Amino acid sequence: MTDREEVNKIVTKTVAELLKMDVDTYNMVKITLLSYQSKYDACREYLKKLFYFTDRHRPLLIGMK
């Protein structure tokens, strides 16, 4: 398995786990990870893209009262 295939496998598993989470847990994980101040811009960009992609595939949970 190449490095790219291994990274793709990890990303796929991560997205699958994020999609399984309930809204509160997902938001807590998202806020926690995005608030961490990494000195590596690549890590920060990776997380932004990961959550951008995941947000697009999560169902919208808008309640009407």
C-alpha atoms as a PDB file:
ATOM      1  CA  MET A   1       0.000   0.000   0.000  1.00  0.00           C
ATOM      2  CA  THR A   2       1.382   3.402  -0.933  1.00  0.00           C
ATOM      3  CA  ASP A   3       1.498   6.351   1.432  1.00  0.00           C
ATOM      4  CA  ARG A   4      -1.284   8.099  -0.501  1.00  0.00           C
ATOM      5  CA  GLU A   5      -3.543   5.046  -0.255  1.00  0.00           C
ATOM      6  CA  GLU A   6      -2.892   4.820   3.464  1.00  0.00           C
ATOM      7  CA  VAL A   7      -3.713   8.523   3.956  1.00  0.00           C
ATOM      8  CA  ASN A   8      -6.899   8.140   1.901  1.00  0.00           C
ATOM      9  CA  LYS A   9      -7.916   5.165   4.051  1.00  0.00           C
ATOM     10  CA  ILE A  10      -7.378   7.165   7.246  1.00  0.00           C
ATOM     11  CA  VAL A  11      -9.342  10.144   5.905  1.00  0.00           C
ATOM     12  CA  THR A  12     -12.189   7.871   4.801  1.00  0.00           C
ATOM     13  CA  LYS A  13     -12.397   6.273   8.245  1.00  0.00           C
ATOM     14  CA  THR A  14     -12.258   9.675   9.950  1.00  0.00           C
ATOM     15  CA  VAL A  15     -15.083  11.088   7.835  1.00  0.00           C
ATOM     16  CA  ALA A  16     -17.166   7.957   8.428  1.00  0.00           C
ATOM     17  CA  GLU A  17     -16.745   8.314  12.199  1.00  0.00           C
ATOM     18  CA  LEU A  18     -17.577  12.026  12.100  1.00  0.00           C
ATOM     19  CA  LEU A  19     -20.738  11.318  10.116  1.00  0.00           C
ATOM     20  CA  LYS A  20     -21.892   8.792  12.744  1.00  0.00           C
ATOM     21  CA  MET A  21     -21.684  11.315  15.597  1.00  0.00           C
ATOM     22  CA  ASP A  22     -24.715  13.094  16.967  1.00  0.00           C
ATOM     23  CA  VAL A  23     -24.809  16.858  16.494  1.00  0.00           C
ATOM     24  CA  ASP A  24     -23.534  17.834  19.950  1.00  0.00           C
ATOM     25  CA  THR A  25     -20.607  15.420  19.892  1.00  0.00           C
ATOM     26  CA  TYR A  26     -19.690  16.394  16.343  1.00  0.00           C
ATOM     27  CA  ASN A  27     -19.713  20.103  17.182  1.00  0.00           C
ATOM     28  CA  MET A  28     -17.635  19.521  20.317  1.00  0.00           C
ATOM     29  CA  VAL A  29     -15.025  17.562  18.328  1.00  0.00           C
ATOM     30  CA  LYS A  30     -15.013  20.157  15.554  1.00  0.00           C
ATOM     31  CA  ILE A  31     -14.584  23.112  17.904  1.00  0.00           C
ATOM     32  CA  THR A  32     -11.923  21.331  19.936  1.00  0.00           C
ATOM     33  CA  LEU A  33      -9.821  20.351  16.942  1.00  0.00           C
ATOM     34  CA  LEU A  34     -10.197  23.644  15.085  1.00  0.00           C
ATOM     35  CA  SER A  35      -9.386  25.697  18.188  1.00  0.00           C
ATOM     36  CA  TYR A  36      -6.039  23.978  18.690  1.00  0.00           C
ATOM     37  CA  GLN A  37      -3.273  26.349  17.595  1.00  0.00           C
ATOM     38  CA  SER A  38      -0.909  24.184  15.597  1.00  0.00           C
ATOM     39  CA  LYS A  39       2.366  25.671  14.478  1.00  0.00           C
ATOM     40  CA  TYR A  40       1.988  23.664  11.286  1.00  0.00           C
ATOM     41  CA  ASP A  41      -0.206  25.355   8.715  1.00  0.00           C
ATOM     42  CA  ALA A  42      -0.655  22.069   6.852  1.00  0.00           C
ATOM     43  CA  CYS A  43      -2.375  20.500   9.885  1.00  0.00           C
ATOM     44  CA  ARG A  44      -4.728  23.450  10.278  1.00  0.00           C
ATOM     45  CA  GLU A  45      -5.592  23.381   6.566  1.00  0.00           C
ATOM     46  CA  TYR A  46      -6.169  19.628   6.686  1.00  0.00           C
ATOM     47  CA  LEU A  47      -8.646  20.001   9.553  1.00  0.00           C
ATOM     48  CA  LYS A  48     -10.464  22.872   7.833  1.00  0.00           C
ATOM     49  CA  LYS A  49     -10.847  20.804   4.664  1.00  0.00           C
ATOM     50  CA  LEU A  50     -11.855  17.708   6.622  1.00  0.00           C
ATOM     51  CA  PHE A  51     -14.662  19.541   8.413  1.00  0.00           C
ATOM     52  CA  TYR A  52     -15.706  21.437   5.272  1.00  0.00           C
ATOM     53  CA  PHE A  53     -16.138  18.119   3.473  1.00  0.00           C
ATOM     54  CA  THR A  54     -17.867  16.470   6.425  1.00  0.00           C
ATOM     55  CA  ASP A  55     -20.236  19.432   6.937  1.00  0.00           C
ATOM     56  CA  ARG A  56     -21.354  19.143   3.318  1.00  0.00           C
ATOM     57  CA  HIS A  57     -22.342  15.503   3.869  1.00  0.00           C
ATOM     58  CA  ARG A  58     -24.004  15.801   7.263  1.00  0.00           C
ATOM     59  CA  PRO A  59     -27.777  16.193   7.230  1.00  0.00           C
ATOM     60  CA  LEU A  60     -29.077  19.604   8.148  1.00  0.00           C
ATOM     61  CA  LEU A  61     -30.803  19.424  11.503  1.00  0.00           C
ATOM     62  CA  ILE A  62     -32.935  22.532  11.645  1.00  0.00           C
ATOM     63  CA  GLY A  63     -35.859  22.379  13.999  1.00  0.00           C
ATOM     64  CA  MET A  64     -38.994  24.446  13.637  1.00  0.00           C
ATOM     65  CA  LYS A  65     -40.803  25.563  16.790  1.00  0.00           C
END
